[in-house]
Amino acid sequence: MTNDDRSALMEIVGKYKSQKGSLIPVLQNIQEYLGYISKESVEFVSEQLNYPESDIYGVVTFYAQFKLEKPGKHGIKVCQGTACHVIGADTVRDVIFKELNLKKYGTTEDMKFTVEEVACLGCCSLAPVIMIDGQVFGKLTMDKIKKILNSY
């Protein structure tokens, strides 16, 4: 962990240190800062808030919002909601995996993309849908997916 990261984490923990039940907000803020929950940040929080590391990992692994691996530069969410599933979410996933040379959901070797499955993006009228860095792309075809990925 760099000195800048340590200072930032100290500031985050300092905001919540005196509050009961502060573990989740601390972890949320750390993830916002780092992009994930690193092993070093768990150790730091354990020391600062006097929580056993096992309890922190229990919280981090229970809630899907927390990530234990450093994400790629761009986050891709592949919708698997009912409308997307019926209209071709599996094909969308397969094209993305092929284009990015992935065998399963996760991060590309070059750390450029992290691809994850989500239950629903709430854009059913645009099915099938993906979201990249918060931007929704709908009514996807194989060619459209390739063009979108190439633009990144």
N, C-alpha and C. Protein backbone atom coordinates (compact mmCIF):
# COMPACT_ATOMS: atom_id res chain seq x y z
N MET A 1 0.86 -1.18 0.00
CA MET A 1 0.00 0.00 0.00
C MET A 1 0.90 1.24 0.00
N THR A 2 0.59 2.19 -0.88
CA THR A 2 1.39 3.40 -0.96
C THR A 2 1.08 4.32 0.22
N ASN A 3 1.92 5.29 0.42
CA ASN A 3 1.68 6.27 1.50
C ASN A 3 0.41 7.06 1.24
N ASP A 4 0.15 7.38 -0.05
CA ASP A 4 -1.08 8.09 -0.40
C ASP A 4 -2.31 7.26 -0.08
N ASP A 5 -2.23 5.96 -0.40
CA ASP A 5 -3.35 5.07 -0.08
C ASP A 5 -3.55 4.97 1.42
N ARG A 6 -2.45 4.84 2.16
CA ARG A 6 -2.54 4.75 3.62
C ARG A 6 -3.18 6.02 4.20
N SER A 7 -2.80 7.16 3.69
CA SER A 7 -3.37 8.44 4.15
C SER A 7 -4.86 8.51 3.84
N ALA A 8 -5.22 8.10 2.64
CA ALA A 8 -6.63 8.12 2.24
C ALA A 8 -7.45 7.18 3.11
N LEU A 9 -6.93 5.98 3.37
CA LEU A 9 -7.64 5.02 4.21
C LEU A 9 -7.74 5.52 5.64
N MET A 10 -6.70 6.19 6.12
CA MET A 10 -6.73 6.76 7.46
C MET A 10 -7.83 7.82 7.56
N GLU A 11 -7.96 8.62 6.52
CA GLU A 11 -9.00 9.64 6.49
C GLU A 11 -10.40 9.00 6.46
N ILE A 12 -10.56 7.96 5.67
CA ILE A 12 -11.84 7.26 5.59
C ILE A 12 -12.21 6.67 6.94
N VAL A 13 -11.28 5.95 7.54
CA VAL A 13 -11.54 5.32 8.84
C VAL A 13 -11.79 6.38 9.89
N GLY A 14 -11.04 7.48 9.83
CA GLY A 14 -11.19 8.56 10.80
C GLY A 14 -12.59 9.16 10.83
N LYS A 15 -13.24 9.21 9.65
CA LYS A 15 -14.59 9.77 9.58
C LYS A 15 -15.60 8.92 10.36
N TYR A 16 -15.33 7.62 10.47
CA TYR A 16 -16.31 6.70 11.03
C TYR A 16 -15.86 6.04 12.34
N LYS A 17 -14.63 6.26 12.75
CA LYS A 17 -14.03 5.51 13.85
C LYS A 17 -14.87 5.52 15.12
N SER A 18 -15.49 6.63 15.43
CA SER A 18 -16.25 6.73 16.69
C SER A 18 -17.70 6.27 16.56
N GLN A 19 -18.11 5.88 15.36
CA GLN A 19 -19.50 5.49 15.14
C GLN A 19 -19.66 3.98 15.23
N LYS A 20 -20.70 3.56 15.93
CA LYS A 20 -21.01 2.14 15.99
C LYS A 20 -21.55 1.68 14.64
N GLY A 21 -21.27 0.45 14.27
CA GLY A 21 -21.79 -0.09 13.02
C GLY A 21 -21.20 0.56 11.79
N SER A 22 -19.94 1.00 11.89
CA SER A 22 -19.34 1.75 10.79
C SER A 22 -18.61 0.89 9.77
N LEU A 23 -18.55 -0.41 9.98
CA LEU A 23 -17.74 -1.24 9.10
C LEU A 23 -18.18 -1.17 7.64
N ILE A 24 -19.46 -1.30 7.37
CA ILE A 24 -19.93 -1.29 5.97
C ILE A 24 -19.66 0.07 5.30
N PRO A 25 -19.99 1.19 5.93
CA PRO A 25 -19.65 2.47 5.28
C PRO A 25 -18.14 2.65 5.05
N VAL A 26 -17.33 2.17 5.98
CA VAL A 26 -15.87 2.25 5.79
C VAL A 26 -15.47 1.43 4.57
N LEU A 27 -15.97 0.21 4.48
CA LEU A 27 -15.64 -0.65 3.34
C LEU A 27 -16.15 -0.06 2.02
N GLN A 28 -17.34 0.52 2.04
CA GLN A 28 -17.88 1.15 0.83
C GLN A 28 -16.98 2.29 0.38
N ASN A 29 -16.53 3.11 1.32
CA ASN A 29 -15.66 4.23 0.98
C ASN A 29 -14.29 3.76 0.48
N ILE A 30 -13.78 2.71 1.10
CA ILE A 30 -12.50 2.16 0.65
C ILE A 30 -12.63 1.63 -0.77
N GLN A 31 -13.72 0.91 -1.03
CA GLN A 31 -13.91 0.38 -2.37
C GLN A 31 -14.09 1.50 -3.39
N GLU A 32 -14.76 2.55 -3.00
CA GLU A 32 -14.91 3.70 -3.91
C GLU A 32 -13.54 4.29 -4.23
N TYR A 33 -12.66 4.34 -3.23
CA TYR A 33 -11.33 4.91 -3.42
C TYR A 33 -10.41 3.97 -4.22
N LEU A 34 -10.33 2.70 -3.82
CA LEU A 34 -9.41 1.75 -4.45
C LEU A 34 -9.99 1.04 -5.67
N GLY A 35 -11.32 0.94 -5.70
CA GLY A 35 -11.98 0.17 -6.75
C GLY A 35 -12.29 -1.25 -6.32
N TYR A 36 -11.77 -1.65 -5.18
CA TYR A 36 -11.99 -2.98 -4.61
C TYR A 36 -11.51 -2.97 -3.16
N ILE A 37 -11.69 -4.10 -2.48
CA ILE A 37 -11.21 -4.23 -1.11
C ILE A 37 -9.95 -5.09 -1.14
N SER A 38 -8.81 -4.47 -0.96
CA SER A 38 -7.54 -5.19 -1.01
C SER A 38 -7.25 -5.88 0.31
N LYS A 39 -6.36 -6.86 0.27
CA LYS A 39 -5.92 -7.57 1.48
C LYS A 39 -5.33 -6.56 2.48
N GLU A 40 -4.54 -5.64 1.96
CA GLU A 40 -3.91 -4.63 2.82
C GLU A 40 -4.94 -3.73 3.48
N SER A 41 -6.01 -3.40 2.75
CA SER A 41 -7.04 -2.54 3.35
C SER A 41 -7.80 -3.29 4.44
N VAL A 42 -8.00 -4.59 4.26
CA VAL A 42 -8.65 -5.39 5.31
C VAL A 42 -7.79 -5.39 6.57
N GLU A 43 -6.49 -5.60 6.39
CA GLU A 43 -5.56 -5.57 7.53
C GLU A 43 -5.59 -4.21 8.23
N PHE A 44 -5.61 -3.16 7.44
CA PHE A 44 -5.63 -1.79 7.97
C PHE A 44 -6.90 -1.54 8.78
N VAL A 45 -8.04 -1.89 8.21
CA VAL A 45 -9.33 -1.69 8.89
C VAL A 45 -9.38 -2.52 10.16
N SER A 46 -8.85 -3.73 10.11
CA SER A 46 -8.82 -4.60 11.28
C SER A 46 -8.06 -3.93 12.42
N GLU A 47 -6.90 -3.38 12.09
CA GLU A 47 -6.08 -2.69 13.11
C GLU A 47 -6.78 -1.44 13.65
N GLN A 48 -7.31 -0.64 12.74
CA GLN A 48 -7.87 0.66 13.11
C GLN A 48 -9.20 0.56 13.86
N LEU A 49 -10.05 -0.38 13.45
CA LEU A 49 -11.38 -0.48 14.06
C LEU A 49 -11.50 -1.63 15.05
N ASN A 50 -10.39 -2.36 15.20
CA ASN A 50 -10.35 -3.47 16.15
C ASN A 50 -11.39 -4.55 15.83
N TYR A 51 -11.49 -4.88 14.56
CA TYR A 51 -12.34 -5.98 14.09
C TYR A 51 -11.41 -7.12 13.68
N PRO A 52 -11.76 -8.35 13.98
CA PRO A 52 -10.97 -9.46 13.44
C PRO A 52 -11.07 -9.48 11.91
N GLU A 53 -9.98 -9.80 11.23
CA GLU A 53 -9.98 -9.85 9.77
C GLU A 53 -11.04 -10.83 9.27
N SER A 54 -11.25 -11.91 10.00
CA SER A 54 -12.25 -12.89 9.57
C SER A 54 -13.65 -12.29 9.54
N ASP A 55 -13.96 -11.40 10.48
CA ASP A 55 -15.27 -10.73 10.48
C ASP A 55 -15.39 -9.79 9.28
N ILE A 56 -14.32 -9.09 8.96
CA ILE A 56 -14.33 -8.18 7.81
C ILE A 56 -14.53 -8.97 6.52
N TYR A 57 -13.78 -10.07 6.38
CA TYR A 57 -13.96 -10.91 5.19
C TYR A 57 -15.36 -11.50 5.14
N GLY A 58 -15.94 -11.80 6.30
CA GLY A 58 -17.31 -12.29 6.35
C GLY A 58 -18.28 -11.28 5.75
N VAL A 59 -18.10 -10.02 6.07
CA VAL A 59 -18.96 -8.96 5.53
C VAL A 59 -18.70 -8.77 4.03
N VAL A 60 -17.43 -8.71 3.66
CA VAL A 60 -17.06 -8.47 2.26
C VAL A 60 -17.56 -9.58 1.35
N THR A 61 -17.50 -10.82 1.81
CA THR A 61 -17.93 -11.93 0.96
C THR A 61 -19.44 -12.14 1.00
N PHE A 62 -20.11 -11.61 2.01
CA PHE A 62 -21.57 -11.75 2.11
C PHE A 62 -22.27 -10.81 1.12
N TYR A 63 -21.80 -9.58 1.04
CA TYR A 63 -22.45 -8.58 0.20
C TYR A 63 -21.83 -8.55 -1.20
N ALA A 64 -22.68 -8.71 -2.21
CA ALA A 64 -22.21 -8.76 -3.60
C ALA A 64 -21.60 -7.45 -4.07
N GLN A 65 -21.89 -6.35 -3.39
CA GLN A 65 -21.35 -5.05 -3.80
C GLN A 65 -19.84 -4.95 -3.64
N PHE A 66 -19.28 -5.79 -2.76
CA PHE A 66 -17.85 -5.70 -2.49
C PHE A 66 -17.06 -6.63 -3.41
N LYS A 67 -15.94 -6.12 -3.90
CA LYS A 67 -15.06 -6.87 -4.79
C LYS A 67 -13.71 -7.07 -4.12
N LEU A 68 -13.20 -8.28 -4.18
CA LEU A 68 -11.90 -8.59 -3.58
C LEU A 68 -10.76 -8.58 -4.60
N GLU A 69 -11.09 -8.41 -5.85
CA GLU A 69 -10.06 -8.36 -6.89
C GLU A 69 -10.07 -7.01 -7.56
N LYS A 70 -8.89 -6.55 -7.90
CA LYS A 70 -8.77 -5.26 -8.58
C LYS A 70 -9.49 -5.34 -9.92
N PRO A 71 -10.39 -4.40 -10.19
CA PRO A 71 -11.14 -4.43 -11.45
C PRO A 71 -10.34 -3.84 -12.60
N GLY A 72 -10.79 -4.17 -13.81
CA GLY A 72 -10.20 -3.59 -15.00
C GLY A 72 -10.59 -2.13 -15.13
N LYS A 73 -10.00 -1.46 -16.09
CA LYS A 73 -10.25 -0.03 -16.31
C LYS A 73 -11.73 0.23 -16.64
N HIS A 74 -12.36 -0.68 -17.40
CA HIS A 74 -13.76 -0.52 -17.78
C HIS A 74 -14.58 -1.68 -17.24
N GLY A 75 -15.71 -1.36 -16.64
CA GLY A 75 -16.60 -2.39 -16.12
C GLY A 75 -17.74 -2.66 -17.08
N ILE A 76 -17.92 -3.93 -17.44
CA ILE A 76 -19.00 -4.34 -18.33
C ILE A 76 -19.97 -5.21 -17.53
N LYS A 77 -21.22 -4.79 -17.50
CA LYS A 77 -22.27 -5.58 -16.85
C LYS A 77 -23.15 -6.18 -17.93
N VAL A 78 -23.27 -7.50 -17.91
CA VAL A 78 -24.08 -8.22 -18.88
C VAL A 78 -25.40 -8.57 -18.21
N CYS A 79 -26.48 -8.00 -18.71
CA CYS A 79 -27.80 -8.24 -18.12
C CYS A 79 -28.26 -9.67 -18.43
N GLN A 80 -28.74 -10.34 -17.39
CA GLN A 80 -29.30 -11.68 -17.53
C GLN A 80 -30.75 -11.71 -17.05
N GLY A 81 -31.40 -10.54 -17.03
CA GLY A 81 -32.81 -10.47 -16.67
C GLY A 81 -33.66 -11.26 -17.65
N THR A 82 -34.91 -11.45 -17.33
CA THR A 82 -35.79 -12.29 -18.14
C THR A 82 -35.84 -11.84 -19.60
N ALA A 83 -36.09 -10.56 -19.84
CA ALA A 83 -36.19 -10.08 -21.23
C ALA A 83 -34.87 -10.29 -21.97
N CYS A 84 -33.77 -9.95 -21.34
CA CYS A 84 -32.46 -10.12 -21.99
C CYS A 84 -32.15 -11.59 -22.21
N HIS A 85 -32.48 -12.41 -21.22
CA HIS A 85 -32.22 -13.84 -21.35
C HIS A 85 -32.99 -14.44 -22.53
N VAL A 86 -34.26 -14.07 -22.65
CA VAL A 86 -35.10 -14.61 -23.73
C VAL A 86 -34.61 -14.13 -25.10
N ILE A 87 -34.13 -12.89 -25.16
CA ILE A 87 -33.75 -12.31 -26.46
C ILE A 87 -32.28 -12.54 -26.81
N GLY A 88 -31.51 -13.14 -25.92
CA GLY A 88 -30.15 -13.50 -26.34
C GLY A 88 -29.00 -13.07 -25.45
N ALA A 89 -29.20 -12.96 -24.16
CA ALA A 89 -28.12 -12.56 -23.26
C ALA A 89 -26.95 -13.53 -23.30
N ASP A 90 -27.22 -14.82 -23.50
CA ASP A 90 -26.13 -15.79 -23.56
C ASP A 90 -25.25 -15.55 -24.79
N THR A 91 -25.86 -15.18 -25.89
CA THR A 91 -25.09 -14.87 -27.09
C THR A 91 -24.26 -13.61 -26.87
N VAL A 92 -24.86 -12.61 -26.23
CA VAL A 92 -24.13 -11.38 -25.91
C VAL A 92 -22.90 -11.72 -25.07
N ARG A 93 -23.11 -12.51 -24.03
CA ARG A 93 -22.01 -12.93 -23.16
C ARG A 93 -20.94 -13.65 -23.96
N ASP A 94 -21.35 -14.59 -24.78
CA ASP A 94 -20.39 -15.38 -25.55
C ASP A 94 -19.57 -14.52 -26.50
N VAL A 95 -20.20 -13.55 -27.15
CA VAL A 95 -19.47 -12.64 -28.05
C VAL A 95 -18.47 -11.81 -27.26
N ILE A 96 -18.89 -11.30 -26.13
CA ILE A 96 -17.98 -10.51 -25.28
C ILE A 96 -16.80 -11.36 -24.84
N PHE A 97 -17.07 -12.57 -24.36
CA PHE A 97 -15.99 -13.46 -23.94
C PHE A 97 -15.01 -13.72 -25.08
N LYS A 98 -15.54 -13.98 -26.27
CA LYS A 98 -14.68 -14.27 -27.42
C LYS A 98 -13.84 -13.05 -27.79
N GLU A 99 -14.48 -11.89 -27.86
CA GLU A 99 -13.78 -10.67 -28.25
C GLU A 99 -12.70 -10.27 -27.25
N LEU A 100 -12.95 -10.54 -25.97
CA LEU A 100 -12.01 -10.14 -24.92
C LEU A 100 -11.12 -11.29 -24.46
N ASN A 101 -11.26 -12.44 -25.12
CA ASN A 101 -10.46 -13.61 -24.78
C ASN A 101 -10.63 -14.04 -23.32
N LEU A 102 -11.88 -14.11 -22.90
CA LEU A 102 -12.22 -14.58 -21.54
C LEU A 102 -12.90 -15.93 -21.64
N LYS A 103 -12.71 -16.75 -20.62
CA LYS A 103 -13.39 -18.04 -20.55
C LYS A 103 -14.59 -17.98 -19.60
N LYS A 104 -14.57 -16.99 -18.70
CA LYS A 104 -15.64 -16.82 -17.73
C LYS A 104 -15.66 -15.35 -17.30
N TYR A 105 -16.68 -15.01 -16.53
CA TYR A 105 -16.76 -13.64 -16.02
C TYR A 105 -15.50 -13.33 -15.21
N GLY A 106 -15.02 -12.10 -15.35
CA GLY A 106 -13.81 -11.70 -14.63
C GLY A 106 -13.11 -10.57 -15.37
N THR A 107 -11.81 -10.45 -15.10
CA THR A 107 -11.01 -9.36 -15.64
C THR A 107 -10.05 -9.87 -16.71
N THR A 108 -9.93 -9.09 -17.76
CA THR A 108 -9.02 -9.46 -18.84
C THR A 108 -7.57 -9.36 -18.35
N GLU A 109 -6.68 -10.11 -19.01
CA GLU A 109 -5.28 -10.13 -18.61
C GLU A 109 -4.64 -8.75 -18.64
N ASP A 110 -5.06 -7.93 -19.59
CA ASP A 110 -4.47 -6.59 -19.71
C ASP A 110 -5.10 -5.58 -18.74
N MET A 111 -6.02 -6.05 -17.91
CA MET A 111 -6.70 -5.21 -16.90
C MET A 111 -7.53 -4.10 -17.53
N LYS A 112 -7.92 -4.28 -18.78
CA LYS A 112 -8.70 -3.25 -19.46
C LYS A 112 -10.19 -3.38 -19.16
N PHE A 113 -10.68 -4.62 -19.01
CA PHE A 113 -12.11 -4.84 -18.79
C PHE A 113 -12.35 -5.82 -17.64
N THR A 114 -13.40 -5.55 -16.89
CA THR A 114 -13.94 -6.53 -15.96
C THR A 114 -15.37 -6.77 -16.39
N VAL A 115 -15.70 -8.03 -16.65
CA VAL A 115 -17.02 -8.40 -17.14
C VAL A 115 -17.74 -9.15 -16.03
N GLU A 116 -18.96 -8.69 -15.71
CA GLU A 116 -19.74 -9.37 -14.69
C GLU A 116 -21.19 -9.53 -15.12
N GLU A 117 -21.82 -10.55 -14.58
CA GLU A 117 -23.23 -10.82 -14.84
C GLU A 117 -24.06 -10.08 -13.80
N VAL A 118 -25.16 -9.48 -14.25
CA VAL A 118 -26.10 -8.86 -13.32
C VAL A 118 -27.50 -9.40 -13.58
N ALA A 119 -28.31 -9.40 -12.55
CA ALA A 119 -29.65 -9.98 -12.65
C ALA A 119 -30.56 -9.15 -13.56
N CYS A 120 -30.45 -7.83 -13.49
CA CYS A 120 -31.30 -6.97 -14.33
C CYS A 120 -30.75 -5.55 -14.30
N LEU A 121 -30.72 -4.92 -15.46
CA LEU A 121 -30.31 -3.52 -15.54
C LEU A 121 -31.51 -2.58 -15.64
N GLY A 122 -32.71 -3.14 -15.71
CA GLY A 122 -33.91 -2.31 -15.75
C GLY A 122 -34.16 -1.63 -17.07
N CYS A 123 -33.63 -2.18 -18.13
CA CYS A 123 -33.79 -1.60 -19.47
C CYS A 123 -34.42 -2.63 -20.39
N CYS A 124 -35.46 -3.27 -19.92
CA CYS A 124 -36.04 -4.43 -20.62
C CYS A 124 -36.47 -4.12 -22.05
N SER A 125 -36.93 -2.91 -22.31
CA SER A 125 -37.38 -2.57 -23.67
C SER A 125 -36.21 -2.49 -24.65
N LEU A 126 -34.98 -2.46 -24.14
CA LEU A 126 -33.79 -2.39 -24.98
C LEU A 126 -33.07 -3.74 -25.10
N ALA A 127 -33.67 -4.79 -24.58
CA ALA A 127 -33.02 -6.10 -24.51
C ALA A 127 -32.56 -6.59 -25.87
N PRO A 128 -31.42 -7.29 -25.89
CA PRO A 128 -30.47 -7.54 -24.81
C PRO A 128 -29.57 -6.32 -24.57
N VAL A 129 -29.14 -6.19 -23.32
CA VAL A 129 -28.48 -4.97 -22.86
C VAL A 129 -27.17 -5.29 -22.13
N ILE A 130 -26.20 -4.39 -22.30
CA ILE A 130 -25.01 -4.36 -21.44
C ILE A 130 -24.84 -2.93 -20.95
N MET A 131 -24.06 -2.80 -19.90
CA MET A 131 -23.70 -1.48 -19.40
C MET A 131 -22.17 -1.45 -19.29
N ILE A 132 -21.57 -0.40 -19.83
CA ILE A 132 -20.13 -0.21 -19.71
C ILE A 132 -19.89 1.13 -19.04
N ASP A 133 -19.24 1.08 -17.90
CA ASP A 133 -18.93 2.30 -17.14
C ASP A 133 -20.15 3.19 -16.95
N GLY A 134 -21.30 2.56 -16.69
CA GLY A 134 -22.52 3.31 -16.43
C GLY A 134 -23.33 3.68 -17.67
N GLN A 135 -22.81 3.44 -18.85
CA GLN A 135 -23.53 3.74 -20.09
C GLN A 135 -24.21 2.48 -20.62
N VAL A 136 -25.50 2.59 -20.92
CA VAL A 136 -26.29 1.46 -21.38
C VAL A 136 -26.22 1.34 -22.90
N PHE A 137 -26.06 0.11 -23.37
CA PHE A 137 -26.09 -0.21 -24.79
C PHE A 137 -27.13 -1.29 -24.98
N GLY A 138 -28.12 -1.03 -25.84
CA GLY A 138 -29.21 -1.98 -26.00
C GLY A 138 -29.44 -2.43 -27.43
N LYS A 139 -30.42 -3.33 -27.55
CA LYS A 139 -30.78 -3.93 -28.84
C LYS A 139 -29.52 -4.44 -29.54
N LEU A 140 -28.75 -5.20 -28.78
CA LEU A 140 -27.43 -5.63 -29.24
C LEU A 140 -27.48 -6.74 -30.28
N THR A 141 -26.56 -6.63 -31.20
CA THR A 141 -26.29 -7.69 -32.19
C THR A 141 -24.80 -8.01 -32.07
N MET A 142 -24.38 -9.07 -32.73
CA MET A 142 -22.96 -9.44 -32.68
C MET A 142 -22.08 -8.29 -33.20
N ASP A 143 -22.47 -7.72 -34.32
CA ASP A 143 -21.68 -6.62 -34.90
C ASP A 143 -21.65 -5.40 -33.99
N LYS A 144 -22.80 -5.08 -33.40
CA LYS A 144 -22.90 -3.93 -32.53
C LYS A 144 -22.00 -4.10 -31.30
N ILE A 145 -21.99 -5.31 -30.75
CA ILE A 145 -21.14 -5.59 -29.58
C ILE A 145 -19.68 -5.38 -29.94
N LYS A 146 -19.26 -5.91 -31.07
CA LYS A 146 -17.87 -5.78 -31.50
C LYS A 146 -17.49 -4.31 -31.68
N LYS A 147 -18.36 -3.52 -32.29
CA LYS A 147 -18.09 -2.09 -32.48
C LYS A 147 -17.97 -1.37 -31.14
N ILE A 148 -18.87 -1.70 -30.22
CA ILE A 148 -18.84 -1.07 -28.90
C ILE A 148 -17.53 -1.37 -28.20
N LEU A 149 -17.15 -2.64 -28.17
CA LEU A 149 -15.91 -3.03 -27.49
C LEU A 149 -14.70 -2.39 -28.15
N ASN A 150 -14.68 -2.31 -29.48
CA ASN A 150 -13.56 -1.69 -30.19
C ASN A 150 -13.45 -0.20 -29.88
N SER A 151 -14.55 0.43 -29.53
CA SER A 151 -14.51 1.86 -29.22
C SER A 151 -13.81 2.15 -27.89
N TYR A 152 -13.62 1.10 -27.09
CA TYR A 152 -12.93 1.26 -25.81
C TYR A 152 -11.47 0.84 -25.93
